Amino acid sequence: MWKESENKLYRHFEFEDFKEAWGFMTRVALLAEQMNHHPEWKNVYNKVDIWLSSHDAGDVVTAKDRELAEKIEELLK
């Protein structure tokens, strides 16, 4: 579940292993590139943390962030 805090949308993901986490990040990267809206993220082994905010709007959560979050959710289905 995405949480909004400090002007960012945040979600923590855990996967079976590093390979699954990396594959997920690759799919997110392709979405982000299509939208020209890139996340701040961190990966350690099977864990991925993602923060979304719109830097060009003053580092706040915008409709672009919510749309990317929804598309990321769809990757998990």
C-alpha atoms as a PDB file:
ATOM      1  CA  MET A   1       0.000   0.000   0.000  1.00  0.00           C
ATOM      2  CA  TRP A   2       1.335   3.428  -0.968  1.00  0.00           C
ATOM      3  CA  LYS A   3       1.687   5.978   1.831  1.00  0.00           C
ATOM      4  CA  GLU A   4       1.880   9.722   1.368  1.00  0.00           C
ATOM      5  CA  SER A   5       4.360  11.390   3.695  1.00  0.00           C
ATOM      6  CA  GLU A   6       6.655  14.408   3.489  1.00  0.00           C
ATOM      7  CA  ASN A   7       5.363  15.310   0.011  1.00  0.00           C
ATOM      8  CA  LYS A   8       6.186  11.874  -1.422  1.00  0.00           C
ATOM      9  CA  LEU A   9       4.368   8.641  -2.177  1.00  0.00           C
ATOM     10  CA  TYR A  10       6.258   5.715  -0.656  1.00  0.00           C
ATOM     11  CA  ARG A  11       6.000   1.952  -0.892  1.00  0.00           C
ATOM     12  CA  HIS A  12       8.193  -0.926   0.264  1.00  0.00           C
ATOM     13  CA  PHE A  13       8.265  -4.120  -1.815  1.00  0.00           C
ATOM     14  CA  GLU A  14       9.732  -7.527  -0.954  1.00  0.00           C
ATOM     15  CA  PHE A  15      10.356 -10.317  -3.420  1.00  0.00           C
ATOM     16  CA  GLU A  16      11.486 -13.937  -3.337  1.00  0.00           C
ATOM     17  CA  ASP A  17      15.068 -13.069  -4.269  1.00  0.00           C
ATOM     18  CA  PHE A  18      17.330 -10.514  -5.951  1.00  0.00           C
ATOM     19  CA  LYS A  19      16.441 -11.698  -9.443  1.00  0.00           C
ATOM     20  CA  GLU A  20      12.727 -11.036  -8.874  1.00  0.00           C
ATOM     21  CA  ALA A  21      13.445  -7.626  -7.342  1.00  0.00           C
ATOM     22  CA  TRP A  22      15.696  -6.691 -10.266  1.00  0.00           C
ATOM     23  CA  GLY A  23      13.088  -7.833 -12.800  1.00  0.00           C
ATOM     24  CA  PHE A  24      10.473  -5.687 -11.056  1.00  0.00           C
ATOM     25  CA  MET A  25      12.801  -2.693 -11.124  1.00  0.00           C
ATOM     26  CA  THR A  26      13.415  -3.232 -14.840  1.00  0.00           C
ATOM     27  CA  ARG A  27       9.677  -3.195 -15.544  1.00  0.00           C
ATOM     28  CA  VAL A  28       9.254  -0.042 -13.406  1.00  0.00           C
ATOM     29  CA  ALA A  29      12.154   1.593 -15.261  1.00  0.00           C
ATOM     30  CA  LEU A  30      10.455   0.960 -18.608  1.00  0.00           C
ATOM     31  CA  LEU A  31       7.195   2.487 -17.323  1.00  0.00           C
ATOM     32  CA  ALA A  32       9.010   5.477 -15.876  1.00  0.00           C
ATOM     33  CA  GLU A  33      10.866   6.069 -19.127  1.00  0.00           C
ATOM     34  CA  GLN A  34       7.605   5.911 -21.125  1.00  0.00           C
ATOM     35  CA  MET A  35       6.071   8.482 -18.772  1.00  0.00           C
ATOM     36  CA  ASN A  36       9.271  10.543 -18.503  1.00  0.00           C
ATOM     37  CA  HIS A  37       8.697  10.445 -14.759  1.00  0.00           C
ATOM     38  CA  HIS A  38      11.458   8.719 -12.823  1.00  0.00           C
ATOM     39  CA  PRO A  39      11.311   7.416  -9.240  1.00  0.00           C
ATOM     40  CA  GLU A  40      13.719   7.728  -6.389  1.00  0.00           C
ATOM     41  CA  TRP A  41      14.425   4.187  -5.270  1.00  0.00           C
ATOM     42  CA  LYS A  42      16.652   1.853  -3.336  1.00  0.00           C
ATOM     43  CA  ASN A  43      17.318  -1.857  -3.717  1.00  0.00           C
ATOM     44  CA  VAL A  44      18.950  -4.240  -1.255  1.00  0.00           C
ATOM     45  CA  TYR A  45      18.827  -7.918  -2.240  1.00  0.00           C
ATOM     46  CA  ASN A  46      15.091  -8.759  -2.398  1.00  0.00           C
ATOM     47  CA  LYS A  47      13.813  -5.403  -1.111  1.00  0.00           C
ATOM     48  CA  VAL A  48      12.855  -2.370  -3.183  1.00  0.00           C
ATOM     49  CA  ASP A  49      11.788   1.002  -1.749  1.00  0.00           C
ATOM     50  CA  ILE A  50      10.221   3.585  -4.067  1.00  0.00           C
ATOM     51  CA  TRP A  51       9.496   7.267  -3.440  1.00  0.00           C
ATOM     52  CA  LEU A  52       7.513   9.296  -5.970  1.00  0.00           C
ATOM     53  CA  SER A  53       7.273  13.079  -6.186  1.00  0.00           C
ATOM     54  CA  SER A  54       7.317  15.628  -8.987  1.00  0.00           C
ATOM     55  CA  HIS A  55      10.534  17.595  -8.865  1.00  0.00           C
ATOM     56  CA  ASP A  56       9.398  20.038 -11.559  1.00  0.00           C
ATOM     57  CA  ALA A  57       6.309  20.885  -9.450  1.00  0.00           C
ATOM     58  CA  GLY A  58       8.324  21.721  -6.334  1.00  0.00           C
ATOM     59  CA  ASP A  59       8.861  18.206  -4.955  1.00  0.00           C
ATOM     60  CA  VAL A  60       5.219  17.482  -4.194  1.00  0.00           C
ATOM     61  CA  VAL A  61       2.894  14.605  -5.075  1.00  0.00           C
ATOM     62  CA  THR A  62       1.024  15.219  -8.318  1.00  0.00           C
ATOM     63  CA  ALA A  63      -1.296  13.293 -10.624  1.00  0.00           C
ATOM     64  CA  LYS A  64       1.786  11.970 -12.475  1.00  0.00           C
ATOM     65  CA  ASP A  65       3.001  10.325  -9.270  1.00  0.00           C
ATOM     66  CA  ARG A  66      -0.367   8.766  -8.580  1.00  0.00           C
ATOM     67  CA  GLU A  67      -0.593   7.490 -12.155  1.00  0.00           C
ATOM     68  CA  LEU A  68       2.875   5.916 -11.975  1.00  0.00           C
ATOM     69  CA  ALA A  69       2.030   4.347  -8.601  1.00  0.00           C
ATOM     70  CA  GLU A  70      -1.114   2.793 -10.123  1.00  0.00           C
ATOM     71  CA  LYS A  71       0.853   1.417 -13.065  1.00  0.00           C
ATOM     72  CA  ILE A  72       3.468  -0.026 -10.700  1.00  0.00           C
ATOM     73  CA  GLU A  73       0.660  -1.761  -8.789  1.00  0.00           C
ATOM     74  CA  GLU A  74      -0.563  -3.332 -12.018  1.00  0.00           C
ATOM     75  CA  LEU A  75       2.877  -4.913 -12.504  1.00  0.00           C
ATOM     76  CA  LEU A  76       2.277  -6.964  -9.360  1.00  0.00           C
ATOM     77  CA  LYS A  77      -0.915  -8.589 -10.631  1.00  0.00           C
END
